[in-house]
Amino acid sequence: MIRSILQRETSTPVVAIMKCGEESVSVAIEEIKPEDWADKVYKPDILNKPEKLYKKPGYDPFK
């Protein structure tokens, strides 16, 4: 249920802003254990790719 709501609340504004059809938008959700977050997500996707980041998080799990 929550994934369905998250998908809808994520894709609806994308469709409106990008002026595209629903069929053009995909939403994937991957669950990550909290203890794995820093190594599996923060370091490779946030810390190592700052040029792709449009909103920085307000925390650093390595400090």
PDB file of N, CA and C in Angstrom:
ATOM      1  N   MET A   1       0.821  -1.190   0.000  1.00  0.00           N
ATOM      2  CA  MET A   1       0.000   0.000   0.000  1.00  0.00           C
ATOM      3  C   MET A   1       0.869   1.260   0.000  1.00  0.00           C
ATOM      4  N   ILE A   2       1.859   1.307   0.882  1.00  0.00           N
ATOM      5  CA  ILE A   2       2.700   2.506   0.955  1.00  0.00           C
ATOM      6  C   ILE A   2       3.525   2.678  -0.321  1.00  0.00           C
ATOM      7  N   ARG A   3       3.949   1.580  -0.930  1.00  0.00           N
ATOM      8  CA  ARG A   3       4.716   1.684  -2.179  1.00  0.00           C
ATOM      9  C   ARG A   3       3.849   2.233  -3.300  1.00  0.00           C
ATOM     10  N   SER A   4       2.597   1.825  -3.323  1.00  0.00           N
ATOM     11  CA  SER A   4       1.663   2.322  -4.325  1.00  0.00           C
ATOM     12  C   SER A   4       1.446   3.829  -4.165  1.00  0.00           C
ATOM     13  N   ILE A   5       1.287   4.271  -2.935  1.00  0.00           N
ATOM     14  CA  ILE A   5       1.119   5.705  -2.657  1.00  0.00           C
ATOM     15  C   ILE A   5       2.391   6.464  -3.031  1.00  0.00           C
ATOM     16  N   LEU A   6       3.538   5.934  -2.652  1.00  0.00           N
ATOM     17  CA  LEU A   6       4.816   6.575  -2.965  1.00  0.00           C
ATOM     18  C   LEU A   6       5.011   6.680  -4.477  1.00  0.00           C
ATOM     19  N   GLN A   7       4.686   5.616  -5.192  1.00  0.00           N
ATOM     20  CA  GLN A   7       4.801   5.620  -6.653  1.00  0.00           C
ATOM     21  C   GLN A   7       3.908   6.688  -7.257  1.00  0.00           C
ATOM     22  N   ARG A   8       2.672   6.764  -6.824  1.00  0.00           N
ATOM     23  CA  ARG A   8       1.728   7.739  -7.369  1.00  0.00           C
ATOM     24  C   ARG A   8       2.175   9.171  -7.054  1.00  0.00           C
ATOM     25  N   GLU A   9       2.573   9.404  -5.807  1.00  0.00           N
ATOM     26  CA  GLU A   9       2.963  10.751  -5.384  1.00  0.00           C
ATOM     27  C   GLU A   9       4.293  11.188  -5.997  1.00  0.00           C
ATOM     28  N   THR A  10       5.070  10.242  -6.490  1.00  0.00           N
ATOM     29  CA  THR A  10       6.327  10.553  -7.161  1.00  0.00           C
ATOM     30  C   THR A  10       6.111  10.764  -8.652  1.00  0.00           C
ATOM     31  N   SER A  11       5.362   9.872  -9.282  1.00  0.00           N
ATOM     32  CA  SER A  11       5.206   9.940 -10.737  1.00  0.00           C
ATOM     33  C   SER A  11       4.260  11.039 -11.207  1.00  0.00           C
ATOM     34  N   THR A  12       3.220  11.344 -10.445  1.00  0.00           N
ATOM     35  CA  THR A  12       2.254  12.360 -10.872  1.00  0.00           C
ATOM     36  C   THR A  12       2.904  13.727 -11.107  1.00  0.00           C
ATOM     37  N   PRO A  13       3.718  14.251 -10.178  1.00  0.00           N
ATOM     38  CA  PRO A  13       4.360  15.540 -10.458  1.00  0.00           C
ATOM     39  C   PRO A  13       5.386  15.464 -11.588  1.00  0.00           C
ATOM     40  N   VAL A  14       6.049  14.331 -11.745  1.00  0.00           N
ATOM     41  CA  VAL A  14       7.012  14.186 -12.840  1.00  0.00           C
ATOM     42  C   VAL A  14       6.284  14.302 -14.174  1.00  0.00           C
ATOM     43  N   VAL A  15       5.159  13.616 -14.304  1.00  0.00           N
ATOM     44  CA  VAL A  15       4.359  13.678 -15.528  1.00  0.00           C
ATOM     45  C   VAL A  15       3.928  15.119 -15.804  1.00  0.00           C
ATOM     46  N   ALA A  16       3.466  15.818 -14.781  1.00  0.00           N
ATOM     47  CA  ALA A  16       3.005  17.197 -14.952  1.00  0.00           C
ATOM     48  C   ALA A  16       4.149  18.144 -15.324  1.00  0.00           C
ATOM     49  N   ILE A  17       5.261  18.050 -14.626  1.00  0.00           N
ATOM     50  CA  ILE A  17       6.393  18.956 -14.863  1.00  0.00           C
ATOM     51  C   ILE A  17       7.054  18.694 -16.212  1.00  0.00           C
ATOM     52  N   MET A  18       7.216  17.414 -16.548  1.00  0.00           N
ATOM     53  CA  MET A  18       7.894  17.051 -17.792  1.00  0.00           C
ATOM     54  C   MET A  18       6.961  17.072 -19.001  1.00  0.00           C
ATOM     55  N   LYS A  19       5.661  17.228 -18.734  1.00  0.00           N
ATOM     56  CA  LYS A  19       4.657  17.250 -19.801  1.00  0.00           C
ATOM     57  C   LYS A  19       4.758  16.003 -20.674  1.00  0.00           C
ATOM     58  N   CYS A  20       4.692  14.861 -20.014  1.00  0.00           N
ATOM     59  CA  CYS A  20       4.766  13.585 -20.710  1.00  0.00           C
ATOM     60  C   CYS A  20       3.628  12.690 -20.226  1.00  0.00           C
ATOM     61  N   GLY A  21       3.465  11.558 -20.866  1.00  0.00           N
ATOM     62  CA  GLY A  21       2.432  10.617 -20.464  1.00  0.00           C
ATOM     63  C   GLY A  21       2.907   9.725 -19.328  1.00  0.00           C
ATOM     64  N   GLU A  22       1.944   9.165 -18.600  1.00  0.00           N
ATOM     65  CA  GLU A  22       2.260   8.219 -17.512  1.00  0.00           C
ATOM     66  C   GLU A  22       3.131   7.076 -18.009  1.00  0.00           C
ATOM     67  N   GLU A  23       2.916   6.668 -19.264  1.00  0.00           N
ATOM     68  CA  GLU A  23       3.661   5.532 -19.817  1.00  0.00           C
ATOM     69  C   GLU A  23       5.150   5.836 -19.966  1.00  0.00           C
ATOM     70  N   SER A  24       5.529   7.088 -19.847  1.00  0.00           N
ATOM     71  CA  SER A  24       6.933   7.489 -19.991  1.00  0.00           C
ATOM     72  C   SER A  24       7.696   7.511 -18.675  1.00  0.00           C
ATOM     73  N   VAL A  25       7.007   7.270 -17.568  1.00  0.00           N
ATOM     74  CA  VAL A  25       7.631   7.382 -16.250  1.00  0.00           C
ATOM     75  C   VAL A  25       7.654   6.027 -15.555  1.00  0.00           C
ATOM     76  N   SER A  26       8.810   5.684 -15.014  1.00  0.00           N
ATOM     77  CA  SER A  26       8.966   4.463 -14.220  1.00  0.00           C
ATOM     78  C   SER A  26       9.433   4.839 -12.823  1.00  0.00           C
ATOM     79  N   VAL A  27       9.012   4.072 -11.843  1.00  0.00           N
ATOM     80  CA  VAL A  27       9.450   4.280 -10.465  1.00  0.00           C
ATOM     81  C   VAL A  27       9.907   2.934  -9.926  1.00  0.00           C
ATOM     82  N   ALA A  28      11.139   2.866  -9.454  1.00  0.00           N
ATOM     83  CA  ALA A  28      11.668   1.646  -8.845  1.00  0.00           C
ATOM     84  C   ALA A  28      11.972   1.925  -7.378  1.00  0.00           C
ATOM     85  N   ILE A  29      11.663   0.954  -6.546  1.00  0.00           N
ATOM     86  CA  ILE A  29      11.921   1.091  -5.114  1.00  0.00           C
ATOM     87  C   ILE A  29      12.758  -0.100  -4.676  1.00  0.00           C
ATOM     88  N   GLU A  30      13.896   0.180  -4.085  1.00  0.00           N
ATOM     89  CA  GLU A  30      14.776  -0.874  -3.582  1.00  0.00           C
ATOM     90  C   GLU A  30      14.986  -0.646  -2.093  1.00  0.00           C
ATOM     91  N   GLU A  31      14.623  -1.632  -1.310  1.00  0.00           N
ATOM     92  CA  GLU A  31      14.802  -1.508   0.134  1.00  0.00           C
ATOM     93  C   GLU A  31      16.247  -1.815   0.508  1.00  0.00           C
ATOM     94  N   ILE A  32      16.814  -0.957   1.329  1.00  0.00           N
ATOM     95  CA  ILE A  32      18.185  -1.111   1.813  1.00  0.00           C
ATOM     96  C   ILE A  32      18.131  -1.133   3.335  1.00  0.00           C
ATOM     97  N   LYS A  33      18.804  -2.093   3.919  1.00  0.00           N
ATOM     98  CA  LYS A  33      18.861  -2.155   5.382  1.00  0.00           C
ATOM     99  C   LYS A  33      19.599  -0.918   5.899  1.00  0.00           C
ATOM    100  N   PRO A  34      19.129  -0.333   6.992  1.00  0.00           N
ATOM    101  CA  PRO A  34      19.783   0.871   7.531  1.00  0.00           C
ATOM    102  C   PRO A  34      21.286   0.704   7.747  1.00  0.00           C
ATOM    103  N   GLU A  35      21.688  -0.456   8.194  1.00  0.00           N
ATOM    104  CA  GLU A  35      23.117  -0.672   8.451  1.00  0.00           C
ATOM    105  C   GLU A  35      23.941  -0.761   7.162  1.00  0.00           C
ATOM    106  N   ASP A  36      23.283  -0.961   6.018  1.00  0.00           N
ATOM    107  CA  ASP A  36      23.973  -1.039   4.727  1.00  0.00           C
ATOM    108  C   ASP A  36      23.924   0.273   3.945  1.00  0.00           C
ATOM    109  N   TRP A  37      23.124   1.240   4.418  1.00  0.00           N
ATOM    110  CA  TRP A  37      22.870   2.474   3.680  1.00  0.00           C
ATOM    111  C   TRP A  37      24.146   3.233   3.314  1.00  0.00           C
ATOM    112  N   ALA A  38      25.025   3.441   4.251  1.00  0.00           N
ATOM    113  CA  ALA A  38      26.229   4.245   3.996  1.00  0.00           C
ATOM    114  C   ALA A  38      27.082   3.646   2.885  1.00  0.00           C
ATOM    115  N   ASP A  39      27.311   2.340   2.929  1.00  0.00           N
ATOM    116  CA  ASP A  39      28.186   1.704   1.942  1.00  0.00           C
ATOM    117  C   ASP A  39      27.504   1.423   0.606  1.00  0.00           C
ATOM    118  N   LYS A  40      26.221   1.081   0.632  1.00  0.00           N
ATOM    119  CA  LYS A  40      25.527   0.702  -0.604  1.00  0.00           C
ATOM    120  C   LYS A  40      24.890   1.874  -1.344  1.00  0.00           C
ATOM    121  N   VAL A  41      24.585   2.950  -0.632  1.00  0.00           N
ATOM    122  CA  VAL A  41      23.898   4.072  -1.276  1.00  0.00           C
ATOM    123  C   VAL A  41      24.653   5.387  -1.100  1.00  0.00           C
ATOM    124  N   TYR A  42      24.904   5.784   0.141  1.00  0.00           N
ATOM    125  CA  TYR A  42      25.490   7.102   0.391  1.00  0.00           C
ATOM    126  C   TYR A  42      26.835   7.282  -0.314  1.00  0.00           C
ATOM    127  N   LYS A  43      27.743   6.353  -0.109  1.00  0.00           N
ATOM    128  CA  LYS A  43      29.079   6.501  -0.697  1.00  0.00           C
ATOM    129  C   LYS A  43      29.047   6.441  -2.226  1.00  0.00           C
ATOM    130  N   PRO A  44      28.471   5.394  -2.845  1.00  0.00           N
ATOM    131  CA  PRO A  44      28.532   5.335  -4.308  1.00  0.00           C
ATOM    132  C   PRO A  44      27.631   6.334  -5.032  1.00  0.00           C
ATOM    133  N   ASP A  45      26.454   6.626  -4.491  1.00  0.00           N
ATOM    134  CA  ASP A  45      25.488   7.450  -5.219  1.00  0.00           C
ATOM    135  C   ASP A  45      25.423   8.907  -4.780  1.00  0.00           C
ATOM    136  N   ILE A  46      25.838   9.213  -3.583  1.00  0.00           N
ATOM    137  CA  ILE A  46      25.773  10.589  -3.078  1.00  0.00           C
ATOM    138  C   ILE A  46      27.169  11.187  -2.978  1.00  0.00           C
ATOM    139  N   LEU A  47      28.039  10.550  -2.245  1.00  0.00           N
ATOM    140  CA  LEU A  47      29.387  11.062  -2.029  1.00  0.00           C
ATOM    141  C   LEU A  47      30.230  11.041  -3.312  1.00  0.00           C
ATOM    142  N   ASN A  48      30.141   9.951  -4.078  1.00  0.00           N
ATOM    143  CA  ASN A  48      30.993   9.795  -5.257  1.00  0.00           C
ATOM    144  C   ASN A  48      30.410  10.370  -6.547  1.00  0.00           C
ATOM    145  N   LYS A  49      29.182  10.900  -6.508  1.00  0.00           N
ATOM    146  CA  LYS A  49      28.578  11.472  -7.717  1.00  0.00           C
ATOM    147  C   LYS A  49      27.928  12.829  -7.422  1.00  0.00           C
ATOM    148  N   PRO A  50      28.679  13.769  -6.881  1.00  0.00           N
ATOM    149  CA  PRO A  50      28.078  15.061  -6.515  1.00  0.00           C
ATOM    150  C   PRO A  50      27.516  15.820  -7.719  1.00  0.00           C
ATOM    151  N   GLU A  51      28.051  15.577  -8.910  1.00  0.00           N
ATOM    152  CA  GLU A  51      27.572  16.277 -10.105  1.00  0.00           C
ATOM    153  C   GLU A  51      26.169  15.839 -10.524  1.00  0.00           C
ATOM    154  N   LYS A  52      25.715  14.703 -10.021  1.00  0.00           N
ATOM    155  CA  LYS A  52      24.376  14.209 -10.354  1.00  0.00           C
ATOM    156  C   LYS A  52      23.357  14.505  -9.260  1.00  0.00           C
ATOM    157  N   LEU A  53      23.808  15.099  -8.186  1.00  0.00           N
ATOM    158  CA  LEU A  53      22.965  15.340  -7.021  1.00  0.00           C
ATOM    159  C   LEU A  53      22.307  16.717  -7.114  1.00  0.00           C
ATOM    160  N   TYR A  54      20.987  16.751  -7.083  1.00  0.00           N
ATOM    161  CA  TYR A  54      20.253  18.014  -7.150  1.00  0.00           C
ATOM    162  C   TYR A  54      19.838  18.514  -5.777  1.00  0.00           C
ATOM    163  N   LYS A  55      19.730  17.628  -4.825  1.00  0.00           N
ATOM    164  CA  LYS A  55      19.439  18.018  -3.444  1.00  0.00           C
ATOM    165  C   LYS A  55      20.334  17.193  -2.535  1.00  0.00           C
ATOM    166  N   LYS A  56      21.177  17.871  -1.791  1.00  0.00           N
ATOM    167  CA  LYS A  56      22.092  17.180  -0.888  1.00  0.00           C
ATOM    168  C   LYS A  56      21.385  16.845   0.415  1.00  0.00           C
ATOM    169  N   PRO A  57      21.711  15.682   0.996  1.00  0.00           N
ATOM    170  CA  PRO A  57      21.128  15.355   2.292  1.00  0.00           C
ATOM    171  C   PRO A  57      21.754  16.226   3.379  1.00  0.00           C
ATOM    172  N   GLY A  58      21.072  16.340   4.480  1.00  0.00           N
ATOM    173  CA  GLY A  58      21.558  17.161   5.583  1.00  0.00           C
ATOM    174  C   GLY A  58      22.336  16.374   6.612  1.00  0.00           C
ATOM    175  N   TYR A  59      22.944  15.290   6.189  1.00  0.00           N
ATOM    176  CA  TYR A  59      23.698  14.448   7.114  1.00  0.00           C
ATOM    177  C   TYR A  59      24.873  13.824   6.378  1.00  0.00           C
ATOM    178  N   ASP A  60      25.825  13.320   7.118  1.00  0.00           N
ATOM    179  CA  ASP A  60      26.949  12.565   6.572  1.00  0.00           C
ATOM    180  C   ASP A  60      27.190  11.404   7.518  1.00  0.00           C
ATOM    181  N   PRO A  61      26.878  10.185   7.097  1.00  0.00           N
ATOM    182  CA  PRO A  61      27.022   9.042   7.992  1.00  0.00           C
ATOM    183  C   PRO A  61      28.470   8.709   8.337  1.00  0.00           C
ATOM    184  N   PHE A  62      29.424   9.344   7.664  1.00  0.00           N
ATOM    185  CA  PHE A  62      30.829   9.058   7.926  1.00  0.00           C
ATOM    186  C   PHE A  62      31.457  10.052   8.897  1.00  0.00           C
ATOM    187  N   LYS A  63      30.680  11.015   9.399  1.00  0.00           N
ATOM    188  CA  LYS A  63      31.217  11.992  10.355  1.00  0.00           C
ATOM    189  C   LYS A  63      30.717  11.686  11.731  1.00  0.00           C
TER     190      LYS A  63
END
